[in-house]
Amino acid sequence: MPNINKLKGKIVEKGRNVEDLAKAIGVNKSTLYRKFRNDGENISIKEAIQIINELNLSIEEANAIFFNHFVAYNAKKIKMRN
């Protein structure tokens, strides 16, 4: 699941708001708010890529927001194997 708090922080940091971002990626603002309230579970890969591009996020920022739980999980699996 995406880190919605980090994502919201980046939206503000970039001088944007959720309504503006929703319009830019082609979704209704209510839909994007609903996805945020649902811990981002329903954010598609396509939408994530659009958000990354629209906010001009670095690879590190994108990973921290959208893929951090995968990285942490895989790091834990690797440690367990050793």
PDB file of N, CA and C in Angstrom:
ATOM      1  N   MET A   1       0.831  -1.185   0.000  1.00  0.00           N
ATOM      2  CA  MET A   1       0.000   0.000   0.000  1.00  0.00           C
ATOM      3  C   MET A   1       0.876   1.249   0.000  1.00  0.00           C
ATOM      4  N   PRO A   2       0.447   2.245  -0.690  1.00  0.00           N
ATOM      5  CA  PRO A   2       1.203   3.496  -0.707  1.00  0.00           C
ATOM      6  C   PRO A   2       1.186   4.175   0.663  1.00  0.00           C
ATOM      7  N   ASN A   3       2.213   4.955   0.910  1.00  0.00           N
ATOM      8  CA  ASN A   3       2.262   5.773   2.115  1.00  0.00           C
ATOM      9  C   ASN A   3       1.536   7.076   1.792  1.00  0.00           C
ATOM     10  N   ILE A   4       0.263   7.135   2.118  1.00  0.00           N
ATOM     11  CA  ILE A   4      -0.583   8.272   1.754  1.00  0.00           C
ATOM     12  C   ILE A   4      -0.127   9.547   2.453  1.00  0.00           C
ATOM     13  N   ASN A   5       0.347   9.439   3.689  1.00  0.00           N
ATOM     14  CA  ASN A   5       0.824  10.640   4.383  1.00  0.00           C
ATOM     15  C   ASN A   5       2.021  11.259   3.665  1.00  0.00           C
ATOM     16  N   LYS A   6       2.950  10.426   3.216  1.00  0.00           N
ATOM     17  CA  LYS A   6       4.097  10.938   2.457  1.00  0.00           C
ATOM     18  C   LYS A   6       3.630  11.537   1.137  1.00  0.00           C
ATOM     19  N   LEU A   7       2.692  10.882   0.490  1.00  0.00           N
ATOM     20  CA  LEU A   7       2.178  11.374  -0.778  1.00  0.00           C
ATOM     21  C   LEU A   7       1.513  12.736  -0.596  1.00  0.00           C
ATOM     22  N   LYS A   8       0.680  12.862   0.425  1.00  0.00           N
ATOM     23  CA  LYS A   8       0.026  14.150   0.691  1.00  0.00           C
ATOM     24  C   LYS A   8       1.066  15.235   0.982  1.00  0.00           C
ATOM     25  N   GLY A   9       2.103  14.871   1.713  1.00  0.00           N
ATOM     26  CA  GLY A   9       3.177  15.820   1.998  1.00  0.00           C
ATOM     27  C   GLY A   9       3.864  16.293   0.726  1.00  0.00           C
ATOM     28  N   LYS A  10       4.121  15.361  -0.187  1.00  0.00           N
ATOM     29  CA  LYS A  10       4.761  15.714  -1.461  1.00  0.00           C
ATOM     30  C   LYS A  10       3.856  16.589  -2.317  1.00  0.00           C
ATOM     31  N   ILE A  11       2.554  16.322  -2.261  1.00  0.00           N
ATOM     32  CA  ILE A  11       1.610  17.144  -3.018  1.00  0.00           C
ATOM     33  C   ILE A  11       1.714  18.592  -2.548  1.00  0.00           C
ATOM     34  N   VAL A  12       1.707  18.780  -1.236  1.00  0.00           N
ATOM     35  CA  VAL A  12       1.808  20.130  -0.669  1.00  0.00           C
ATOM     36  C   VAL A  12       3.179  20.731  -0.963  1.00  0.00           C
ATOM     37  N   GLU A  13       4.223  19.926  -0.785  1.00  0.00           N
ATOM     38  CA  GLU A  13       5.594  20.394  -1.024  1.00  0.00           C
ATOM     39  C   GLU A  13       5.775  20.907  -2.454  1.00  0.00           C
ATOM     40  N   LYS A  14       5.096  20.262  -3.385  1.00  0.00           N
ATOM     41  CA  LYS A  14       5.199  20.654  -4.790  1.00  0.00           C
ATOM     42  C   LYS A  14       4.239  21.787  -5.151  1.00  0.00           C
ATOM     43  N   GLY A  15       3.534  22.335  -4.136  1.00  0.00           N
ATOM     44  CA  GLY A  15       2.633  23.456  -4.368  1.00  0.00           C
ATOM     45  C   GLY A  15       1.334  23.082  -5.057  1.00  0.00           C
ATOM     46  N   ARG A  16       0.919  21.850  -4.875  1.00  0.00           N
ATOM     47  CA  ARG A  16      -0.292  21.351  -5.520  1.00  0.00           C
ATOM     48  C   ARG A  16      -1.317  21.017  -4.462  1.00  0.00           C
ATOM     49  N   ASN A  17      -2.499  20.592  -4.897  1.00  0.00           N
ATOM     50  CA  ASN A  17      -3.517  20.071  -3.998  1.00  0.00           C
ATOM     51  C   ASN A  17      -4.145  18.853  -4.661  1.00  0.00           C
ATOM     52  N   VAL A  18      -4.953  18.124  -3.900  1.00  0.00           N
ATOM     53  CA  VAL A  18      -5.520  16.874  -4.397  1.00  0.00           C
ATOM     54  C   VAL A  18      -6.425  17.120  -5.596  1.00  0.00           C
ATOM     55  N   GLU A  19      -7.207  18.200  -5.534  1.00  0.00           N
ATOM     56  CA  GLU A  19      -8.106  18.500  -6.651  1.00  0.00           C
ATOM     57  C   GLU A  19      -7.333  18.727  -7.944  1.00  0.00           C
ATOM     58  N   ASP A  20      -6.270  19.500  -7.842  1.00  0.00           N
ATOM     59  CA  ASP A  20      -5.417  19.806  -8.990  1.00  0.00           C
ATOM     60  C   ASP A  20      -4.764  18.532  -9.535  1.00  0.00           C
ATOM     61  N   LEU A  21      -4.270  17.704  -8.627  1.00  0.00           N
ATOM     62  CA  LEU A  21      -3.625  16.453  -9.037  1.00  0.00           C
ATOM     63  C   LEU A  21      -4.628  15.521  -9.712  1.00  0.00           C
ATOM     64  N   ALA A  22      -5.819  15.417  -9.139  1.00  0.00           N
ATOM     65  CA  ALA A  22      -6.855  14.554  -9.725  1.00  0.00           C
ATOM     66  C   ALA A  22      -7.153  14.975 -11.156  1.00  0.00           C
ATOM     67  N   LYS A  23      -7.328  16.272 -11.358  1.00  0.00           N
ATOM     68  CA  LYS A  23      -7.602  16.778 -12.704  1.00  0.00           C
ATOM     69  C   LYS A  23      -6.448  16.467 -13.648  1.00  0.00           C
ATOM     70  N   ALA A  24      -5.224  16.644 -13.172  1.00  0.00           N
ATOM     71  CA  ALA A  24      -4.042  16.427 -14.009  1.00  0.00           C
ATOM     72  C   ALA A  24      -3.887  14.966 -14.444  1.00  0.00           C
ATOM     73  N   ILE A  25      -4.314  14.025 -13.582  1.00  0.00           N
ATOM     74  CA  ILE A  25      -4.172  12.607 -13.945  1.00  0.00           C
ATOM     75  C   ILE A  25      -5.460  12.029 -14.519  1.00  0.00           C
ATOM     76  N   GLY A  26      -6.482  12.873 -14.633  1.00  0.00           N
ATOM     77  CA  GLY A  26      -7.705  12.447 -15.311  1.00  0.00           C
ATOM     78  C   GLY A  26      -8.674  11.630 -14.490  1.00  0.00           C
ATOM     79  N   VAL A  27      -8.699  11.858 -13.171  1.00  0.00           N
ATOM     80  CA  VAL A  27      -9.692  11.195 -12.332  1.00  0.00           C
ATOM     81  C   VAL A  27     -10.501  12.252 -11.597  1.00  0.00           C
ATOM     82  N   ASN A  28     -11.697  11.872 -11.195  1.00  0.00           N
ATOM     83  CA  ASN A  28     -12.541  12.766 -10.429  1.00  0.00           C
ATOM     84  C   ASN A  28     -11.917  12.993  -9.057  1.00  0.00           C
ATOM     85  N   LYS A  29     -12.004  14.214  -8.540  1.00  0.00           N
ATOM     86  CA  LYS A  29     -11.390  14.504  -7.242  1.00  0.00           C
ATOM     87  C   LYS A  29     -11.993  13.646  -6.127  1.00  0.00           C
ATOM     88  N   SER A  30     -13.283  13.351  -6.211  1.00  0.00           N
ATOM     89  CA  SER A  30     -13.924  12.486  -5.213  1.00  0.00           C
ATOM     90  C   SER A  30     -13.323  11.085  -5.245  1.00  0.00           C
ATOM     91  N   THR A  31     -13.037  10.610  -6.432  1.00  0.00           N
ATOM     92  CA  THR A  31     -12.433   9.283  -6.585  1.00  0.00           C
ATOM     93  C   THR A  31     -11.047   9.251  -5.950  1.00  0.00           C
ATOM     94  N   LEU A  32     -10.253  10.279  -6.200  1.00  0.00           N
ATOM     95  CA  LEU A  32      -8.895  10.311  -5.641  1.00  0.00           C
ATOM     96  C   LEU A  32      -8.955  10.441  -4.122  1.00  0.00           C
ATOM     97  N   TYR A  33      -9.834  11.293  -3.605  1.00  0.00           N
ATOM     98  CA  TYR A  33      -9.999  11.389  -2.150  1.00  0.00           C
ATOM     99  C   TYR A  33     -10.396  10.035  -1.554  1.00  0.00           C
ATOM    100  N   ARG A  34     -11.294   9.321  -2.213  1.00  0.00           N
ATOM    101  CA  ARG A  34     -11.742   8.010  -1.736  1.00  0.00           C
ATOM    102  C   ARG A  34     -10.570   7.024  -1.721  1.00  0.00           C
ATOM    103  N   LYS A  35      -9.756   7.059  -2.744  1.00  0.00           N
ATOM    104  CA  LYS A  35      -8.586   6.174  -2.795  1.00  0.00           C
ATOM    105  C   LYS A  35      -7.611   6.504  -1.668  1.00  0.00           C
ATOM    106  N   PHE A  36      -7.445   7.790  -1.363  1.00  0.00           N
ATOM    107  CA  PHE A  36      -6.566   8.190  -0.268  1.00  0.00           C
ATOM    108  C   PHE A  36      -7.133   7.713   1.074  1.00  0.00           C
ATOM    109  N   ARG A  37      -8.443   7.854   1.266  1.00  0.00           N
ATOM    110  CA  ARG A  37      -9.073   7.425   2.519  1.00  0.00           C
ATOM    111  C   ARG A  37      -8.972   5.916   2.696  1.00  0.00           C
ATOM    112  N   ASN A  38      -8.902   5.205   1.609  1.00  0.00           N
ATOM    113  CA  ASN A  38      -8.822   3.745   1.624  1.00  0.00           C
ATOM    114  C   ASN A  38      -7.360   3.285   1.661  1.00  0.00           C
ATOM    115  N   ASP A  39      -6.477   4.119   2.181  1.00  0.00           N
ATOM    116  CA  ASP A  39      -5.034   3.840   2.291  1.00  0.00           C
ATOM    117  C   ASP A  39      -4.379   3.551   0.943  1.00  0.00           C
ATOM    118  N   GLY A  40      -4.963   4.059  -0.119  1.00  0.00           N
ATOM    119  CA  GLY A  40      -4.358   3.917  -1.437  1.00  0.00           C
ATOM    120  C   GLY A  40      -4.420   2.532  -2.026  1.00  0.00           C
ATOM    121  N   GLU A  41      -5.210   1.647  -1.431  1.00  0.00           N
ATOM    122  CA  GLU A  41      -5.281   0.265  -1.908  1.00  0.00           C
ATOM    123  C   GLU A  41      -5.727   0.165  -3.363  1.00  0.00           C
ATOM    124  N   ASN A  42      -6.559   1.097  -3.797  1.00  0.00           N
ATOM    125  CA  ASN A  42      -7.108   1.012  -5.147  1.00  0.00           C
ATOM    126  C   ASN A  42      -6.404   1.916  -6.160  1.00  0.00           C
ATOM    127  N   ILE A  43      -5.262   2.467  -5.777  1.00  0.00           N
ATOM    128  CA  ILE A  43      -4.500   3.262  -6.740  1.00  0.00           C
ATOM    129  C   ILE A  43      -3.845   2.287  -7.709  1.00  0.00           C
ATOM    130  N   SER A  44      -4.156   2.454  -8.970  1.00  0.00           N
ATOM    131  CA  SER A  44      -3.601   1.546  -9.979  1.00  0.00           C
ATOM    132  C   SER A  44      -2.148   1.906 -10.281  1.00  0.00           C
ATOM    133  N   ILE A  45      -1.462   0.996 -10.928  1.00  0.00           N
ATOM    134  CA  ILE A  45      -0.084   1.252 -11.349  1.00  0.00           C
ATOM    135  C   ILE A  45      -0.063   2.453 -12.298  1.00  0.00           C
ATOM    136  N   LYS A  46      -1.031   2.485 -13.202  1.00  0.00           N
ATOM    137  CA  LYS A  46      -1.114   3.597 -14.154  1.00  0.00           C
ATOM    138  C   LYS A  46      -1.261   4.921 -13.420  1.00  0.00           C
ATOM    139  N   GLU A  47      -2.146   4.963 -12.424  1.00  0.00           N
ATOM    140  CA  GLU A  47      -2.339   6.188 -11.651  1.00  0.00           C
ATOM    141  C   GLU A  47      -1.088   6.551 -10.861  1.00  0.00           C
ATOM    142  N   ALA A  48      -0.428   5.548 -10.291  1.00  0.00           N
ATOM    143  CA  ALA A  48       0.805   5.804  -9.544  1.00  0.00           C
ATOM    144  C   ALA A  48       1.856   6.433 -10.460  1.00  0.00           C
ATOM    145  N   ILE A  49       2.002   5.893 -11.659  1.00  0.00           N
ATOM    146  CA  ILE A  49       2.971   6.438 -12.614  1.00  0.00           C
ATOM    147  C   ILE A  49       2.600   7.867 -13.002  1.00  0.00           C
ATOM    148  N   GLN A  50       1.307   8.104 -13.209  1.00  0.00           N
ATOM    149  CA  GLN A  50       0.858   9.454 -13.542  1.00  0.00           C
ATOM    150  C   GLN A  50       1.148  10.428 -12.397  1.00  0.00           C
ATOM    151  N   ILE A  51       0.917   9.989 -11.164  1.00  0.00           N
ATOM    152  CA  ILE A  51       1.194  10.834 -10.006  1.00  0.00           C
ATOM    153  C   ILE A  51       2.690  11.115  -9.905  1.00  0.00           C
ATOM    154  N   ILE A  52       3.495  10.085 -10.069  1.00  0.00           N
ATOM    155  CA  ILE A  52       4.951  10.242 -10.024  1.00  0.00           C
ATOM    156  C   ILE A  52       5.409  11.265 -11.060  1.00  0.00           C
ATOM    157  N   ASN A  53       4.903  11.129 -12.268  1.00  0.00           N
ATOM    158  CA  ASN A  53       5.291  12.056 -13.340  1.00  0.00           C
ATOM    159  C   ASN A  53       4.763  13.460 -13.097  1.00  0.00           C
ATOM    160  N   GLU A  54       3.515  13.562 -12.669  1.00  0.00           N
ATOM    161  CA  GLU A  54       2.892  14.875 -12.461  1.00  0.00           C
ATOM    162  C   GLU A  54       3.579  15.648 -11.340  1.00  0.00           C
ATOM    163  N   LEU A  55       3.992  14.945 -10.298  1.00  0.00           N
ATOM    164  CA  LEU A  55       4.670  15.593  -9.175  1.00  0.00           C
ATOM    165  C   LEU A  55       6.180  15.653  -9.372  1.00  0.00           C
ATOM    166  N   ASN A  56       6.654  15.072 -10.476  1.00  0.00           N
ATOM    167  CA  ASN A  56       8.087  15.053 -10.785  1.00  0.00           C
ATOM    168  C   ASN A  56       8.888  14.470  -9.612  1.00  0.00           C
ATOM    169  N   LEU A  57       8.445  13.301  -9.142  1.00  0.00           N
ATOM    170  CA  LEU A  57       9.099  12.659  -8.013  1.00  0.00           C
ATOM    171  C   LEU A  57      10.366  11.937  -8.468  1.00  0.00           C
ATOM    172  N   SER A  58      11.362  11.953  -7.614  1.00  0.00           N
ATOM    173  CA  SER A  58      12.579  11.192  -7.889  1.00  0.00           C
ATOM    174  C   SER A  58      12.285   9.708  -7.682  1.00  0.00           C
ATOM    175  N   ILE A  59      13.187   8.873  -8.117  1.00  0.00           N
ATOM    176  CA  ILE A  59      13.027   7.425  -7.925  1.00  0.00           C
ATOM    177  C   ILE A  59      12.938   7.106  -6.435  1.00  0.00           C
ATOM    178  N   GLU A  60      13.763   7.755  -5.638  1.00  0.00           N
ATOM    179  CA  GLU A  60      13.762   7.516  -4.201  1.00  0.00           C
ATOM    180  C   GLU A  60      12.434   7.930  -3.581  1.00  0.00           C
ATOM    181  N   GLU A  61      11.908   9.099  -3.988  1.00  0.00           N
ATOM    182  CA  GLU A  61      10.626   9.564  -3.465  1.00  0.00           C
ATOM    183  C   GLU A  61       9.505   8.614  -3.866  1.00  0.00           C
ATOM    184  N   ALA A  62       9.501   8.202  -5.126  1.00  0.00           N
ATOM    185  CA  ALA A  62       8.469   7.285  -5.621  1.00  0.00           C
ATOM    186  C   ALA A  62       8.523   5.957  -4.879  1.00  0.00           C
ATOM    187  N   ASN A  63       9.720   5.423  -4.676  1.00  0.00           N
ATOM    188  CA  ASN A  63       9.859   4.159  -3.945  1.00  0.00           C
ATOM    189  C   ASN A  63       9.384   4.293  -2.509  1.00  0.00           C
ATOM    190  N   ALA A  64       9.729   5.400  -1.851  1.00  0.00           N
ATOM    191  CA  ALA A  64       9.326   5.617  -0.456  1.00  0.00           C
ATOM    192  C   ALA A  64       7.811   5.709  -0.328  1.00  0.00           C
ATOM    193  N   ILE A  65       7.156   6.263  -1.333  1.00  0.00           N
ATOM    194  CA  ILE A  65       5.702   6.432  -1.273  1.00  0.00           C
ATOM    195  C   ILE A  65       4.963   5.182  -1.728  1.00  0.00           C
ATOM    196  N   PHE A  66       5.339   4.644  -2.858  1.00  0.00           N
ATOM    197  CA  PHE A  66       4.546   3.577  -3.468  1.00  0.00           C
ATOM    198  C   PHE A  66       5.068   2.162  -3.232  1.00  0.00           C
ATOM    199  N   PHE A  67       6.355   1.993  -2.940  1.00  0.00           N
ATOM    200  CA  PHE A  67       6.906   0.643  -2.901  1.00  0.00           C
ATOM    201  C   PHE A  67       7.677   0.318  -1.636  1.00  0.00           C
ATOM    202  N   ASN A  68       7.634   1.170  -0.634  1.00  0.00           N
ATOM    203  CA  ASN A  68       8.430   0.972   0.571  1.00  0.00           C
ATOM    204  C   ASN A  68       8.106  -0.336   1.275  1.00  0.00           C
ATOM    205  N   HIS A  69       6.838  -0.724   1.321  1.00  0.00           N
ATOM    206  CA  HIS A  69       6.483  -1.972   1.998  1.00  0.00           C
ATOM    207  C   HIS A  69       7.031  -3.186   1.269  1.00  0.00           C
ATOM    208  N   PHE A  70       7.159  -3.134  -0.067  1.00  0.00           N
ATOM    209  CA  PHE A  70       7.760  -4.236  -0.817  1.00  0.00           C
ATOM    210  C   PHE A  70       9.250  -4.334  -0.525  1.00  0.00           C
ATOM    211  N   VAL A  71       9.905  -3.187  -0.468  1.00  0.00           N
ATOM    212  CA  VAL A  71      11.343  -3.158  -0.201  1.00  0.00           C
ATOM    213  C   VAL A  71      11.613  -3.695   1.200  1.00  0.00           C
ATOM    214  N   ALA A  72      10.841  -3.234   2.188  1.00  0.00           N
ATOM    215  CA  ALA A  72      11.019  -3.696   3.565  1.00  0.00           C
ATOM    216  C   ALA A  72      10.749  -5.194   3.673  1.00  0.00           C
ATOM    217  N   TYR A  73       9.706  -5.671   3.010  1.00  0.00           N
ATOM    218  CA  TYR A  73       9.364  -7.088   3.051  1.00  0.00           C
ATOM    219  C   TYR A  73      10.475  -7.929   2.426  1.00  0.00           C
ATOM    220  N   ASN A  74      10.961  -7.518   1.270  1.00  0.00           N
ATOM    221  CA  ASN A  74      12.015  -8.274   0.586  1.00  0.00           C
ATOM    222  C   ASN A  74      13.319  -8.231   1.365  1.00  0.00           C
ATOM    223  N   ALA A  75      13.625  -7.114   1.995  1.00  0.00           N
ATOM    224  CA  ALA A  75      14.837  -7.022   2.810  1.00  0.00           C
ATOM    225  C   ALA A  75      14.743  -7.989   3.989  1.00  0.00           C
ATOM    226  N   LYS A  76      13.560  -8.093   4.575  1.00  0.00           N
ATOM    227  CA  LYS A  76      13.359  -9.007   5.696  1.00  0.00           C
ATOM    228  C   LYS A  76      13.507 -10.449   5.226  1.00  0.00           C
ATOM    229  N   LYS A  77      12.977 -10.795   4.055  1.00  0.00           N
ATOM    230  CA  LYS A  77      13.098 -12.147   3.507  1.00  0.00           C
ATOM    231  C   LYS A  77      14.563 -12.494   3.268  1.00  0.00           C
ATOM    232  N   ILE A  78      15.328 -11.542   2.744  1.00  0.00           N
ATOM    233  CA  ILE A  78      16.737 -11.789   2.448  1.00  0.00           C
ATOM    234  C   ILE A  78      17.493 -12.056   3.737  1.00  0.00           C
ATOM    235  N   LYS A  79      17.238 -11.272   4.783  1.00  0.00           N
ATOM    236  CA  LYS A  79      17.909 -11.479   6.072  1.00  0.00           C
ATOM    237  C   LYS A  79      17.572 -12.842   6.650  1.00  0.00           C
ATOM    238  N   MET A  80      16.334 -13.285   6.467  1.00  0.00           N
ATOM    239  CA  MET A  80      15.924 -14.570   7.023  1.00  0.00           C
ATOM    240  C   MET A  80      16.625 -15.728   6.324  1.00  0.00           C
ATOM    241  N   ARG A  81      16.958 -15.563   5.067  1.00  0.00           N
ATOM    242  CA  ARG A  81      17.625 -16.644   4.308  1.00  0.00           C
ATOM    243  C   ARG A  81      19.077 -16.822   4.745  1.00  0.00           C
ATOM    244  N   ASN A  82      19.713 -15.749   5.171  1.00  0.00           N
ATOM    245  CA  ASN A  82      21.142 -15.803   5.512  1.00  0.00           C
ATOM    246  C   ASN A  82      21.389 -16.476   6.820  1.00  0.00           C
TER     247      ASN A  82
END
